[in-house]
Amino acid sequence: MNKRTISVMMLFTLFGFGVSTTQVRAEKMFDITTITCKDLLLMEGDQRDSTLVFFHGVMLGKSNTTMLNSEKIANQTDKVLEMCIAKPTSKLMSVFEKTR
């Protein structure tokens, strides 16, 4: 499976998540701008994928668009991971903003 297919699947998964308001209220609140690249790199499997999908969604929201370009998303994911490996202390939100 290529990276573009994985990215598209992750995006569809994001829009398919159903989180009830009860679950949201039970969770502790935190500021997503505090998540570092190291935090992302230490995540495994679904947790890392979900985090990447979430941040892609945040970026789409910031750009006020509903159009998905799977090739651009796949390339951005690659750039984010490369930048995170190179500088793990970077804030993940900043890295995503730089790769937009």
PDB file of N, CA and C in Angstrom:
ATOM      1  N   MET A   1       0.847  -1.167   0.000  1.00  0.00           N
ATOM      2  CA  MET A   1       0.000   0.000   0.000  1.00  0.00           C
ATOM      3  C   MET A   1       0.899   1.239   0.000  1.00  0.00           C
ATOM      4  N   ASN A   2       0.658   2.177  -0.919  1.00  0.00           N
ATOM      5  CA  ASN A   2       1.512   3.360  -0.980  1.00  0.00           C
ATOM      6  C   ASN A   2       1.061   4.436   0.004  1.00  0.00           C
ATOM      7  N   LYS A   3       1.916   5.436   0.198  1.00  0.00           N
ATOM      8  CA  LYS A   3       1.649   6.475   1.196  1.00  0.00           C
ATOM      9  C   LYS A   3       0.406   7.284   0.859  1.00  0.00           C
ATOM     10  N   ARG A   4       0.157   7.486  -0.419  1.00  0.00           N
ATOM     11  CA  ARG A   4      -1.023   8.253  -0.798  1.00  0.00           C
ATOM     12  C   ARG A   4      -2.283   7.506  -0.405  1.00  0.00           C
ATOM     13  N   THR A   5      -2.316   6.202  -0.628  1.00  0.00           N
ATOM     14  CA  THR A   5      -3.469   5.398  -0.249  1.00  0.00           C
ATOM     15  C   THR A   5      -3.666   5.432   1.255  1.00  0.00           C
ATOM     16  N   ILE A   6      -2.573   5.325   1.993  1.00  0.00           N
ATOM     17  CA  ILE A   6      -2.653   5.358   3.450  1.00  0.00           C
ATOM     18  C   ILE A   6      -3.189   6.702   3.920  1.00  0.00           C
ATOM     19  N   SER A   7      -2.704   7.790   3.324  1.00  0.00           N
ATOM     20  CA  SER A   7      -3.172   9.123   3.720  1.00  0.00           C
ATOM     21  C   SER A   7      -4.655   9.293   3.460  1.00  0.00           C
ATOM     22  N   VAL A   8      -5.116   8.841   2.313  1.00  0.00           N
ATOM     23  CA  VAL A   8      -6.532   8.948   1.989  1.00  0.00           C
ATOM     24  C   VAL A   8      -7.355   8.117   2.963  1.00  0.00           C
ATOM     25  N   MET A   9      -6.879   6.909   3.266  1.00  0.00           N
ATOM     26  CA  MET A   9      -7.591   6.060   4.222  1.00  0.00           C
ATOM     27  C   MET A   9      -7.646   6.730   5.590  1.00  0.00           C
ATOM     28  N   MET A  10      -6.558   7.383   5.980  1.00  0.00           N
ATOM     29  CA  MET A  10      -6.529   8.061   7.273  1.00  0.00           C
ATOM     30  C   MET A  10      -7.534   9.205   7.298  1.00  0.00           C
ATOM     31  N   LEU A  11      -7.639   9.938   6.207  1.00  0.00           N
ATOM     32  CA  LEU A  11      -8.590  11.042   6.156  1.00  0.00           C
ATOM     33  C   LEU A  11     -10.022  10.543   6.251  1.00  0.00           C
ATOM     34  N   PHE A  12     -10.322   9.465   5.543  1.00  0.00           N
ATOM     35  CA  PHE A  12     -11.666   8.916   5.628  1.00  0.00           C
ATOM     36  C   PHE A  12     -11.953   8.383   7.021  1.00  0.00           C
ATOM     37  N   THR A  13     -10.928   7.835   7.653  1.00  0.00           N
ATOM     38  CA  THR A  13     -11.086   7.355   9.015  1.00  0.00           C
ATOM     39  C   THR A  13     -11.405   8.516   9.945  1.00  0.00           C
ATOM     40  N   LEU A  14     -10.740   9.640   9.740  1.00  0.00           N
ATOM     41  CA  LEU A  14     -10.985  10.812  10.575  1.00  0.00           C
ATOM     42  C   LEU A  14     -12.449  11.216  10.511  1.00  0.00           C
ATOM     43  N   PHE A  15     -12.993  11.273   9.320  1.00  0.00           N
ATOM     44  CA  PHE A  15     -14.367  11.714   9.177  1.00  0.00           C
ATOM     45  C   PHE A  15     -15.363  10.646   9.607  1.00  0.00           C
ATOM     46  N   GLY A  16     -14.874   9.434   9.823  1.00  0.00           N
ATOM     47  CA  GLY A  16     -15.750   8.357  10.266  1.00  0.00           C
ATOM     48  C   GLY A  16     -15.770   8.171  11.766  1.00  0.00           C
ATOM     49  N   PHE A  17     -14.881   8.868  12.489  1.00  0.00           N
ATOM     50  CA  PHE A  17     -14.846   8.716  13.942  1.00  0.00           C
ATOM     51  C   PHE A  17     -16.139   9.235  14.540  1.00  0.00           C
ATOM     52  N   GLY A  18     -16.680   8.492  15.480  1.00  0.00           N
ATOM     53  CA  GLY A  18     -17.867   8.935  16.197  1.00  0.00           C
ATOM     54  C   GLY A  18     -17.568   9.002  17.679  1.00  0.00           C
ATOM     55  N   VAL A  19     -17.311  10.182  18.173  1.00  0.00           N
ATOM     56  CA  VAL A  19     -17.008  10.349  19.588  1.00  0.00           C
ATOM     57  C   VAL A  19     -18.202  11.014  20.240  1.00  0.00           C
ATOM     58  N   SER A  20     -18.740  10.379  21.246  1.00  0.00           N
ATOM     59  CA  SER A  20     -19.905  10.940  21.917  1.00  0.00           C
ATOM     60  C   SER A  20     -19.494  12.097  22.815  1.00  0.00           C
ATOM     61  N   THR A  21     -20.451  12.965  23.119  1.00  0.00           N
ATOM     62  CA  THR A  21     -20.150  14.096  23.999  1.00  0.00           C
ATOM     63  C   THR A  21     -19.796  13.614  25.394  1.00  0.00           C
ATOM     64  N   THR A  22     -20.321  12.481  25.800  1.00  0.00           N
ATOM     65  CA  THR A  22     -19.975  11.921  27.106  1.00  0.00           C
ATOM     66  C   THR A  22     -18.493  11.583  27.154  1.00  0.00           C
ATOM     67  N   GLN A  23     -17.980  10.973  26.084  1.00  0.00           N
ATOM     68  CA  GLN A  23     -16.561  10.642  26.031  1.00  0.00           C
ATOM     69  C   GLN A  23     -15.710  11.904  26.075  1.00  0.00           C
ATOM     70  N   VAL A  24     -16.114  12.922  25.348  1.00  0.00           N
ATOM     71  CA  VAL A  24     -15.346  14.159  25.292  1.00  0.00           C
ATOM     72  C   VAL A  24     -15.296  14.812  26.666  1.00  0.00           C
ATOM     73  N   ARG A  25     -16.416  14.859  27.348  1.00  0.00           N
ATOM     74  CA  ARG A  25     -16.458  15.479  28.670  1.00  0.00           C
ATOM     75  C   ARG A  25     -15.616  14.721  29.679  1.00  0.00           C
ATOM     76  N   ALA A  26     -15.517  13.417  29.526  1.00  0.00           N
ATOM     77  CA  ALA A  26     -14.768  12.603  30.478  1.00  0.00           C
ATOM     78  C   ALA A  26     -13.262  12.766  30.303  1.00  0.00           C
ATOM     79  N   GLU A  27     -12.839  13.194  29.128  1.00  0.00           N
ATOM     80  CA  GLU A  27     -11.411  13.331  28.856  1.00  0.00           C
ATOM     81  C   GLU A  27     -10.869  14.628  29.429  1.00  0.00           C
ATOM     82  N   LYS A  28      -9.597  14.602  29.791  1.00  0.00           N
ATOM     83  CA  LYS A  28      -8.897  15.781  30.278  1.00  0.00           C
ATOM     84  C   LYS A  28      -8.579  16.687  29.089  1.00  0.00           C
ATOM     85  N   MET A  29      -8.709  17.974  29.266  1.00  0.00           N
ATOM     86  CA  MET A  29      -8.424  18.915  28.186  1.00  0.00           C
ATOM     87  C   MET A  29      -6.925  19.198  28.132  1.00  0.00           C
ATOM     88  N   PHE A  30      -6.412  19.422  26.928  1.00  0.00           N
ATOM     89  CA  PHE A  30      -5.014  19.802  26.768  1.00  0.00           C
ATOM     90  C   PHE A  30      -4.865  20.655  25.522  1.00  0.00           C
ATOM     91  N   ASP A  31      -3.791  21.393  25.466  1.00  0.00           N
ATOM     92  CA  ASP A  31      -3.506  22.309  24.368  1.00  0.00           C
ATOM     93  C   ASP A  31      -2.716  21.559  23.296  1.00  0.00           C
ATOM     94  N   ILE A  32      -3.295  21.417  22.103  1.00  0.00           N
ATOM     95  CA  ILE A  32      -2.631  20.640  21.051  1.00  0.00           C
ATOM     96  C   ILE A  32      -1.353  21.305  20.551  1.00  0.00           C
ATOM     97  N   THR A  33      -1.187  22.591  20.830  1.00  0.00           N
ATOM     98  CA  THR A  33       0.042  23.260  20.387  1.00  0.00           C
ATOM     99  C   THR A  33       1.250  22.855  21.226  1.00  0.00           C
ATOM    100  N   THR A  34       1.029  22.107  22.301  1.00  0.00           N
ATOM    101  CA  THR A  34       2.148  21.657  23.141  1.00  0.00           C
ATOM    102  C   THR A  34       2.719  20.316  22.682  1.00  0.00           C
ATOM    103  N   ILE A  35       2.059  19.659  21.736  1.00  0.00           N
ATOM    104  CA  ILE A  35       2.531  18.359  21.246  1.00  0.00           C
ATOM    105  C   ILE A  35       3.802  18.572  20.429  1.00  0.00           C
ATOM    106  N   THR A  36       4.838  17.836  20.758  1.00  0.00           N
ATOM    107  CA  THR A  36       6.113  17.966  20.046  1.00  0.00           C
ATOM    108  C   THR A  36       6.272  16.857  19.013  1.00  0.00           C
ATOM    109  N   CYS A  37       7.242  17.045  18.156  1.00  0.00           N
ATOM    110  CA  CYS A  37       7.577  16.005  17.186  1.00  0.00           C
ATOM    111  C   CYS A  37       7.994  14.723  17.901  1.00  0.00           C
ATOM    112  N   LYS A  38       8.721  14.871  18.989  1.00  0.00           N
ATOM    113  CA  LYS A  38       9.141  13.695  19.752  1.00  0.00           C
ATOM    114  C   LYS A  38       7.922  12.925  20.243  1.00  0.00           C
ATOM    115  N   ASP A  39       6.900  13.649  20.714  1.00  0.00           N
ATOM    116  CA  ASP A  39       5.664  12.995  21.149  1.00  0.00           C
ATOM    117  C   ASP A  39       5.082  12.160  20.010  1.00  0.00           C
ATOM    118  N   LEU A  40       5.036  12.748  18.815  1.00  0.00           N
ATOM    119  CA  LEU A  40       4.509  12.033  17.649  1.00  0.00           C
ATOM    120  C   LEU A  40       5.354  10.808  17.333  1.00  0.00           C
ATOM    121  N   LEU A  41       6.658  10.982  17.323  1.00  0.00           N
ATOM    122  CA  LEU A  41       7.558   9.887  16.955  1.00  0.00           C
ATOM    123  C   LEU A  41       7.523   8.739  17.957  1.00  0.00           C
ATOM    124  N   LEU A  42       7.174   9.024  19.195  1.00  0.00           N
ATOM    125  CA  LEU A  42       7.073   7.969  20.205  1.00  0.00           C
ATOM    126  C   LEU A  42       5.736   7.235  20.167  1.00  0.00           C
ATOM    127  N   MET A  43       4.769   7.795  19.445  1.00  0.00           N
ATOM    128  CA  MET A  43       3.467   7.134  19.311  1.00  0.00           C
ATOM    129  C   MET A  43       3.602   5.927  18.405  1.00  0.00           C
ATOM    130  N   GLU A  44       2.690   4.982  18.577  1.00  0.00           N
ATOM    131  CA  GLU A  44       2.704   3.780  17.747  1.00  0.00           C
ATOM    132  C   GLU A  44       1.407   3.657  16.962  1.00  0.00           C
ATOM    133  N   GLY A  45       1.511   3.030  15.814  1.00  0.00           N
ATOM    134  CA  GLY A  45       0.367   2.610  15.015  1.00  0.00           C
ATOM    135  C   GLY A  45      -0.775   3.593  14.904  1.00  0.00           C
ATOM    136  N   ASP A  46      -1.941   3.143  15.379  1.00  0.00           N
ATOM    137  CA  ASP A  46      -3.164   3.925  15.241  1.00  0.00           C
ATOM    138  C   ASP A  46      -3.084   5.285  15.922  1.00  0.00           C
ATOM    139  N   GLN A  47      -2.388   5.352  17.044  1.00  0.00           N
ATOM    140  CA  GLN A  47      -2.285   6.627  17.751  1.00  0.00           C
ATOM    141  C   GLN A  47      -1.535   7.651  16.894  1.00  0.00           C
ATOM    142  N   ARG A  48      -0.432   7.240  16.293  1.00  0.00           N
ATOM    143  CA  ARG A  48       0.319   8.154  15.419  1.00  0.00           C
ATOM    144  C   ARG A  48      -0.515   8.519  14.196  1.00  0.00           C
ATOM    145  N   ASP A  49      -1.130   7.518  13.572  1.00  0.00           N
ATOM    146  CA  ASP A  49      -1.960   7.784  12.393  1.00  0.00           C
ATOM    147  C   ASP A  49      -3.094   8.749  12.718  1.00  0.00           C
ATOM    148  N   SER A  50      -3.764   8.522  13.837  1.00  0.00           N
ATOM    149  CA  SER A  50      -4.877   9.389  14.237  1.00  0.00           C
ATOM    150  C   SER A  50      -4.403  10.812  14.504  1.00  0.00           C
ATOM    151  N   THR A  51      -3.244  10.944  15.109  1.00  0.00           N
ATOM    152  CA  THR A  51      -2.694  12.272  15.388  1.00  0.00           C
ATOM    153  C   THR A  51      -2.371  12.999  14.087  1.00  0.00           C
ATOM    154  N   LEU A  52      -1.756  12.300  13.145  1.00  0.00           N
ATOM    155  CA  LEU A  52      -1.453  12.909  11.846  1.00  0.00           C
ATOM    156  C   LEU A  52      -2.732  13.330  11.134  1.00  0.00           C
ATOM    157  N   VAL A  53      -3.728  12.462  11.138  1.00  0.00           N
ATOM    158  CA  VAL A  53      -5.002  12.779  10.491  1.00  0.00           C
ATOM    159  C   VAL A  53      -5.639  13.991  11.162  1.00  0.00           C
ATOM    160  N   PHE A  54      -5.613  14.012  12.479  1.00  0.00           N
ATOM    161  CA  PHE A  54      -6.193  15.130  13.218  1.00  0.00           C
ATOM    162  C   PHE A  54      -5.525  16.447  12.816  1.00  0.00           C
ATOM    163  N   PHE A  55      -4.205  16.455  12.778  1.00  0.00           N
ATOM    164  CA  PHE A  55      -3.492  17.688  12.434  1.00  0.00           C
ATOM    165  C   PHE A  55      -3.728  18.086  10.977  1.00  0.00           C
ATOM    166  N   HIS A  56      -3.866  17.112  10.087  1.00  0.00           N
ATOM    167  CA  HIS A  56      -4.234  17.452   8.703  1.00  0.00           C
ATOM    168  C   HIS A  56      -5.603  18.129   8.702  1.00  0.00           C
ATOM    169  N   GLY A  57      -6.517  17.618   9.500  1.00  0.00           N
ATOM    170  CA  GLY A  57      -7.849  18.218   9.609  1.00  0.00           C
ATOM    171  C   GLY A  57      -7.796  19.637  10.156  1.00  0.00           C
ATOM    172  N   VAL A  58      -6.957  19.858  11.148  1.00  0.00           N
ATOM    173  CA  VAL A  58      -6.779  21.205  11.702  1.00  0.00           C
ATOM    174  C   VAL A  58      -6.286  22.148  10.607  1.00  0.00           C
ATOM    175  N   MET A  59      -5.320  21.690   9.825  1.00  0.00           N
ATOM    176  CA  MET A  59      -4.771  22.532   8.756  1.00  0.00           C
ATOM    177  C   MET A  59      -5.825  22.819   7.684  1.00  0.00           C
ATOM    178  N   LEU A  60      -6.643  21.817   7.351  1.00  0.00           N
ATOM    179  CA  LEU A  60      -7.714  22.049   6.379  1.00  0.00           C
ATOM    180  C   LEU A  60      -8.697  23.077   6.924  1.00  0.00           C
ATOM    181  N   GLY A  61      -9.007  22.961   8.212  1.00  0.00           N
ATOM    182  CA  GLY A  61      -9.908  23.923   8.841  1.00  0.00           C
ATOM    183  C   GLY A  61      -9.331  25.331   8.837  1.00  0.00           C
ATOM    184  N   LYS A  62      -8.049  25.446   9.122  1.00  0.00           N
ATOM    185  CA  LYS A  62      -7.392  26.758   9.126  1.00  0.00           C
ATOM    186  C   LYS A  62      -7.397  27.392   7.739  1.00  0.00           C
ATOM    187  N   SER A  63      -7.335  26.556   6.710  1.00  0.00           N
ATOM    188  CA  SER A  63      -7.334  27.091   5.347  1.00  0.00           C
ATOM    189  C   SER A  63      -8.757  27.254   4.814  1.00  0.00           C
ATOM    190  N   ASN A  64      -9.734  26.944   5.666  1.00  0.00           N
ATOM    191  CA  ASN A  64     -11.149  27.116   5.323  1.00  0.00           C
ATOM    192  C   ASN A  64     -11.521  26.394   4.028  1.00  0.00           C
ATOM    193  N   THR A  65     -11.074  25.157   3.925  1.00  0.00           N
ATOM    194  CA  THR A  65     -11.375  24.374   2.729  1.00  0.00           C
ATOM    195  C   THR A  65     -11.961  23.020   3.105  1.00  0.00           C
ATOM    196  N   THR A  66     -12.723  22.488   2.193  1.00  0.00           N
ATOM    197  CA  THR A  66     -13.253  21.138   2.364  1.00  0.00           C
ATOM    198  C   THR A  66     -12.732  20.207   1.275  1.00  0.00           C
ATOM    199  N   MET A  67     -11.853  20.722   0.432  1.00  0.00           N
ATOM    200  CA  MET A  67     -11.299  19.930  -0.660  1.00  0.00           C
ATOM    201  C   MET A  67     -10.038  19.207  -0.199  1.00  0.00           C
ATOM    202  N   LEU A  68      -9.979  17.919  -0.467  1.00  0.00           N
ATOM    203  CA  LEU A  68      -8.819  17.111  -0.099  1.00  0.00           C
ATOM    204  C   LEU A  68      -8.018  16.769  -1.339  1.00  0.00           C
ATOM    205  N   ASN A  69      -6.731  17.003  -1.271  1.00  0.00           N
ATOM    206  CA  ASN A  69      -5.826  16.615  -2.339  1.00  0.00           C
ATOM    207  C   ASN A  69      -4.935  15.528  -1.753  1.00  0.00           C
ATOM    208  N   SER A  70      -5.217  14.281  -2.086  1.00  0.00           N
ATOM    209  CA  SER A  70      -4.522  13.158  -1.451  1.00  0.00           C
ATOM    210  C   SER A  70      -3.018  13.177  -1.707  1.00  0.00           C
ATOM    211  N   GLU A  71      -2.606  13.615  -2.883  1.00  0.00           N
ATOM    212  CA  GLU A  71      -1.172  13.677  -3.177  1.00  0.00           C
ATOM    213  C   GLU A  71      -0.486  14.731  -2.300  1.00  0.00           C
ATOM    214  N   LYS A  72      -1.129  15.878  -2.154  1.00  0.00           N
ATOM    215  CA  LYS A  72      -0.571  16.938  -1.317  1.00  0.00           C
ATOM    216  C   LYS A  72      -0.504  16.481   0.149  1.00  0.00           C
ATOM    217  N   ILE A  73      -1.541  15.806   0.621  1.00  0.00           N
ATOM    218  CA  ILE A  73      -1.574  15.305   2.003  1.00  0.00           C
ATOM    219  C   ILE A  73      -0.450  14.289   2.215  1.00  0.00           C
ATOM    220  N   ALA A  74      -0.255  13.395   1.267  1.00  0.00           N
ATOM    221  CA  ALA A  74       0.806  12.382   1.384  1.00  0.00           C
ATOM    222  C   ALA A  74       2.177  13.045   1.416  1.00  0.00           C
ATOM    223  N   ASN A  75       2.384  14.025   0.537  1.00  0.00           N
ATOM    224  CA  ASN A  75       3.665  14.742   0.517  1.00  0.00           C
ATOM    225  C   ASN A  75       3.885  15.520   1.811  1.00  0.00           C
ATOM    226  N   GLN A  76       2.825  16.140   2.297  1.00  0.00           N
ATOM    227  CA  GLN A  76       2.937  16.895   3.544  1.00  0.00           C
ATOM    228  C   GLN A  76       3.271  15.960   4.710  1.00  0.00           C
ATOM    229  N   THR A  77       2.653  14.794   4.746  1.00  0.00           N
ATOM    230  CA  THR A  77       2.943  13.818   5.802  1.00  0.00           C
ATOM    231  C   THR A  77       4.413  13.426   5.772  1.00  0.00           C
ATOM    232  N   ASP A  78       4.930  13.161   4.584  1.00  0.00           N
ATOM    233  CA  ASP A  78       6.352  12.814   4.448  1.00  0.00           C
ATOM    234  C   ASP A  78       7.244  13.939   4.968  1.00  0.00           C
ATOM    235  N   LYS A  79       6.916  15.185   4.591  1.00  0.00           N
ATOM    236  CA  LYS A  79       7.714  16.334   5.031  1.00  0.00           C
ATOM    237  C   LYS A  79       7.647  16.506   6.547  1.00  0.00           C
ATOM    238  N   VAL A  80       6.457  16.345   7.108  1.00  0.00           N
ATOM    239  CA  VAL A  80       6.293  16.471   8.560  1.00  0.00           C
ATOM    240  C   VAL A  80       7.168  15.451   9.272  1.00  0.00           C
ATOM    241  N   LEU A  81       7.114  14.203   8.827  1.00  0.00           N
ATOM    242  CA  LEU A  81       7.907  13.158   9.477  1.00  0.00           C
ATOM    243  C   LEU A  81       9.406  13.426   9.329  1.00  0.00           C
ATOM    244  N   GLU A  82       9.833  13.862   8.153  1.00  0.00           N
ATOM    245  CA  GLU A  82      11.251  14.184   7.941  1.00  0.00           C
ATOM    246  C   GLU A  82      11.700  15.320   8.860  1.00  0.00           C
ATOM    247  N   MET A  83      10.883  16.359   8.955  1.00  0.00           N
ATOM    248  CA  MET A  83      11.226  17.497   9.806  1.00  0.00           C
ATOM    249  C   MET A  83      11.225  17.101  11.282  1.00  0.00           C
ATOM    250  N   CYS A  84      10.298  16.246  11.662  1.00  0.00           N
ATOM    251  CA  CYS A  84      10.229  15.791  13.053  1.00  0.00           C
ATOM    252  C   CYS A  84      11.437  14.938  13.420  1.00  0.00           C
ATOM    253  N   ILE A  85      11.860  14.096  12.514  1.00  0.00           N
ATOM    254  CA  ILE A  85      13.051  13.275  12.770  1.00  0.00           C
ATOM    255  C   ILE A  85      14.281  14.178  12.910  1.00  0.00           C
ATOM    256  N   ALA A  86      14.359  15.198  12.049  1.00  0.00           N
ATOM    257  CA  ALA A  86      15.506  16.109  12.078  1.00  0.00           C
ATOM    258  C   ALA A  86      15.524  16.992  13.325  1.00  0.00           C
ATOM    259  N   LYS A  87      14.346  17.360  13.804  1.00  0.00           N
ATOM    260  CA  LYS A  87      14.276  18.265  14.966  1.00  0.00           C
ATOM    261  C   LYS A  87      13.113  17.856  15.873  1.00  0.00           C
ATOM    262  N   PRO A  88      13.311  16.830  16.691  1.00  0.00           N
ATOM    263  CA  PRO A  88      12.229  16.284  17.519  1.00  0.00           C
ATOM    264  C   PRO A  88      11.676  17.239  18.579  1.00  0.00           C
ATOM    265  N   THR A  89      12.395  18.301  18.898  1.00  0.00           N
ATOM    266  CA  THR A  89      11.885  19.236  19.904  1.00  0.00           C
ATOM    267  C   THR A  89      10.905  20.256  19.322  1.00  0.00           C
ATOM    268  N   SER A  90      10.738  20.255  18.015  1.00  0.00           N
ATOM    269  CA  SER A  90       9.805  21.185  17.369  1.00  0.00           C
ATOM    270  C   SER A  90       8.378  20.887  17.794  1.00  0.00           C
ATOM    271  N   LYS A  91       7.573  21.931  17.832  1.00  0.00           N
ATOM    272  CA  LYS A  91       6.144  21.760  18.096  1.00  0.00           C
ATOM    273  C   LYS A  91       5.497  21.229  16.821  1.00  0.00           C
ATOM    274  N   LEU A  92       4.683  20.207  16.963  1.00  0.00           N
ATOM    275  CA  LEU A  92       4.066  19.564  15.802  1.00  0.00           C
ATOM    276  C   LEU A  92       3.210  20.543  15.003  1.00  0.00           C
ATOM    277  N   MET A  93       2.474  21.412  15.688  1.00  0.00           N
ATOM    278  CA  MET A  93       1.636  22.386  14.990  1.00  0.00           C
ATOM    279  C   MET A  93       2.494  23.292  14.106  1.00  0.00           C
ATOM    280  N   SER A  94       3.636  23.730  14.614  1.00  0.00           N
ATOM    281  CA  SER A  94       4.530  24.592  13.829  1.00  0.00           C
ATOM    282  C   SER A  94       5.054  23.872  12.596  1.00  0.00           C
ATOM    283  N   VAL A  95       5.386  22.610  12.748  1.00  0.00           N
ATOM    284  CA  VAL A  95       5.881  21.827  11.613  1.00  0.00           C
ATOM    285  C   VAL A  95       4.791  21.709  10.555  1.00  0.00           C
ATOM    286  N   PHE A  96       3.565  21.416  10.970  1.00  0.00           N
ATOM    287  CA  PHE A  96       2.465  21.334  10.005  1.00  0.00           C
ATOM    288  C   PHE A  96       2.263  22.673   9.300  1.00  0.00           C
ATOM    289  N   GLU A  97       2.350  23.761  10.043  1.00  0.00           N
ATOM    290  CA  GLU A  97       2.168  25.081   9.426  1.00  0.00           C
ATOM    291  C   GLU A  97       3.264  25.385   8.413  1.00  0.00           C
ATOM    292  N   LYS A  98       4.483  24.944   8.677  1.00  0.00           N
ATOM    293  CA  LYS A  98       5.594  25.168   7.749  1.00  0.00           C
ATOM    294  C   LYS A  98       5.463  24.336   6.481  1.00  0.00           C
ATOM    295  N   THR A  99       4.755  23.224   6.538  1.00  0.00           N
ATOM    296  CA  THR A  99       4.645  22.337   5.372  1.00  0.00           C
ATOM    297  C   THR A  99       3.365  22.564   4.580  1.00  0.00           C
ATOM    298  N   ARG A 100       2.576  23.539   4.955  1.00  0.00           N
ATOM    299  CA  ARG A 100       1.315  23.812   4.252  1.00  0.00           C
ATOM    300  C   ARG A 100       1.532  24.216   2.831  1.00  0.00           C
TER     301      ARG A 100
END
